[in-house]
Amino acid sequence: MIRTQIYLTKEEHAGISSLASNLKKKQSELIRQAIDEFLVRSNPADKLKKIREARGIWKDRDDFNLESVRADFDRF
């Protein structure tokens, strides 16, 4: 790991401090997790790759009605 420093606003510091305390985790761990999630969301090629990898994973399932699941989304 590479050590780095960042500047946070008072609100950001209070928020990450409170969250870390509630989750019983270190602030640095939560910051790394947030950065990792941001990098994944910011890389569209990576998203497309994951979508393509997931294609067809439910095709052989018969334990639910796909039409009822789709109907639930029509209400939004």
C-alpha atoms as a PDB file:
ATOM      1  CA  MET A   1       0.000   0.000   0.000  1.00  0.00           C
ATOM      2  CA  ILE A   2       1.074   3.553  -0.662  1.00  0.00           C
ATOM      3  CA  ARG A   3       0.591   6.161   2.036  1.00  0.00           C
ATOM      4  CA  THR A   4      -1.092   9.382   0.956  1.00  0.00           C
ATOM      5  CA  GLN A   5      -2.738  12.385   2.532  1.00  0.00           C
ATOM      6  CA  ILE A   6      -6.026  14.042   1.627  1.00  0.00           C
ATOM      7  CA  TYR A   7      -7.833  17.149   2.807  1.00  0.00           C
ATOM      8  CA  LEU A   8     -11.430  16.751   3.974  1.00  0.00           C
ATOM      9  CA  THR A   9     -14.020  19.376   4.786  1.00  0.00           C
ATOM     10  CA  LYS A  10     -15.314  19.430   8.358  1.00  0.00           C
ATOM     11  CA  GLU A  11     -18.525  17.796   7.160  1.00  0.00           C
ATOM     12  CA  GLU A  12     -16.679  15.043   5.289  1.00  0.00           C
ATOM     13  CA  HIS A  13     -14.463  14.362   8.283  1.00  0.00           C
ATOM     14  CA  ALA A  14     -17.423  14.238  10.666  1.00  0.00           C
ATOM     15  CA  GLY A  15     -19.333  11.947   8.313  1.00  0.00           C
ATOM     16  CA  ILE A  16     -16.502   9.477   7.727  1.00  0.00           C
ATOM     17  CA  SER A  17     -15.596   9.517  11.421  1.00  0.00           C
ATOM     18  CA  SER A  18     -19.177   8.774  12.461  1.00  0.00           C
ATOM     19  CA  LEU A  19     -19.578   6.062   9.833  1.00  0.00           C
ATOM     20  CA  ALA A  20     -16.312   4.410  10.829  1.00  0.00           C
ATOM     21  CA  SER A  21     -17.367   4.419  14.465  1.00  0.00           C
ATOM     22  CA  ASN A  22     -20.804   2.960  13.677  1.00  0.00           C
ATOM     23  CA  LEU A  23     -19.371   0.245  11.432  1.00  0.00           C
ATOM     24  CA  LYS A  24     -16.400  -0.429  13.722  1.00  0.00           C
ATOM     25  CA  LYS A  25     -13.996   0.091  10.834  1.00  0.00           C
ATOM     26  CA  LYS A  26     -11.053   2.389  10.242  1.00  0.00           C
ATOM     27  CA  GLN A  27     -11.608   5.608   8.337  1.00  0.00           C
ATOM     28  CA  SER A  28      -8.860   4.660   5.901  1.00  0.00           C
ATOM     29  CA  GLU A  29     -10.649   1.402   5.092  1.00  0.00           C
ATOM     30  CA  LEU A  30     -13.881   3.224   4.294  1.00  0.00           C
ATOM     31  CA  ILE A  31     -12.067   5.800   2.168  1.00  0.00           C
ATOM     32  CA  ARG A  32     -10.329   3.045   0.165  1.00  0.00           C
ATOM     33  CA  GLN A  33     -13.669   1.274  -0.293  1.00  0.00           C
ATOM     34  CA  ALA A  34     -15.288   4.492  -1.526  1.00  0.00           C
ATOM     35  CA  ILE A  35     -12.431   5.093  -3.978  1.00  0.00           C
ATOM     36  CA  ASP A  36     -12.670   1.508  -5.267  1.00  0.00           C
ATOM     37  CA  GLU A  37     -16.423   1.855  -5.827  1.00  0.00           C
ATOM     38  CA  PHE A  38     -15.952   5.201  -7.566  1.00  0.00           C
ATOM     39  CA  LEU A  39     -13.341   3.740  -9.907  1.00  0.00           C
ATOM     40  CA  VAL A  40     -15.624   0.840 -10.827  1.00  0.00           C
ATOM     41  CA  ARG A  41     -18.560   3.189 -11.517  1.00  0.00           C
ATOM     42  CA  SER A  42     -16.375   5.526 -13.540  1.00  0.00           C
ATOM     43  CA  ASN A  43     -15.114   2.891 -15.969  1.00  0.00           C
ATOM     44  CA  PRO A  44     -17.873   2.198 -18.553  1.00  0.00           C
ATOM     45  CA  ALA A  45     -15.804  -0.438 -20.367  1.00  0.00           C
ATOM     46  CA  ASP A  46     -15.547  -2.389 -17.139  1.00  0.00           C
ATOM     47  CA  LYS A  47     -19.334  -2.126 -16.636  1.00  0.00           C
ATOM     48  CA  LEU A  48     -20.001  -3.415 -20.136  1.00  0.00           C
ATOM     49  CA  LYS A  49     -17.637  -6.335 -19.563  1.00  0.00           C
ATOM     50  CA  LYS A  50     -19.452  -7.263 -16.333  1.00  0.00           C
ATOM     51  CA  ILE A  51     -22.850  -6.990 -18.006  1.00  0.00           C
ATOM     52  CA  ARG A  52     -21.709  -9.265 -20.822  1.00  0.00           C
ATOM     53  CA  GLU A  53     -20.299 -11.776 -18.318  1.00  0.00           C
ATOM     54  CA  ALA A  54     -23.636 -11.834 -16.477  1.00  0.00           C
ATOM     55  CA  ARG A  55     -25.652 -12.414 -19.638  1.00  0.00           C
ATOM     56  CA  GLY A  56     -27.812 -15.506 -19.406  1.00  0.00           C
ATOM     57  CA  ILE A  57     -27.095 -16.371 -15.777  1.00  0.00           C
ATOM     58  CA  TRP A  58     -30.821 -16.750 -15.037  1.00  0.00           C
ATOM     59  CA  LYS A  59     -31.793 -18.539 -18.242  1.00  0.00           C
ATOM     60  CA  ASP A  60     -32.179 -21.994 -16.644  1.00  0.00           C
ATOM     61  CA  ARG A  61     -33.989 -20.860 -13.505  1.00  0.00           C
ATOM     62  CA  ASP A  62     -37.582 -21.915 -13.039  1.00  0.00           C
ATOM     63  CA  ASP A  63     -38.107 -20.891  -9.419  1.00  0.00           C
ATOM     64  CA  PHE A  64     -39.713 -17.538 -10.250  1.00  0.00           C
ATOM     65  CA  ASN A  65     -41.895 -15.915 -12.880  1.00  0.00           C
ATOM     66  CA  LEU A  66     -39.854 -13.440 -14.912  1.00  0.00           C
ATOM     67  CA  GLU A  67     -42.968 -11.728 -16.255  1.00  0.00           C
ATOM     68  CA  SER A  68     -44.087 -10.805 -12.715  1.00  0.00           C
ATOM     69  CA  VAL A  69     -40.627  -9.385 -11.998  1.00  0.00           C
ATOM     70  CA  ARG A  70     -40.798  -7.293 -15.152  1.00  0.00           C
ATOM     71  CA  ALA A  71     -44.317  -6.102 -14.245  1.00  0.00           C
ATOM     72  CA  ASP A  72     -42.990  -4.787 -10.922  1.00  0.00           C
ATOM     73  CA  PHE A  73     -40.615  -2.488 -12.818  1.00  0.00           C
ATOM     74  CA  ASP A  74     -43.398  -1.139 -15.028  1.00  0.00           C
ATOM     75  CA  ARG A  75     -44.795   0.798 -12.082  1.00  0.00           C
ATOM     76  CA  PHE A  76     -41.726   3.065 -11.813  1.00  0.00           C
END
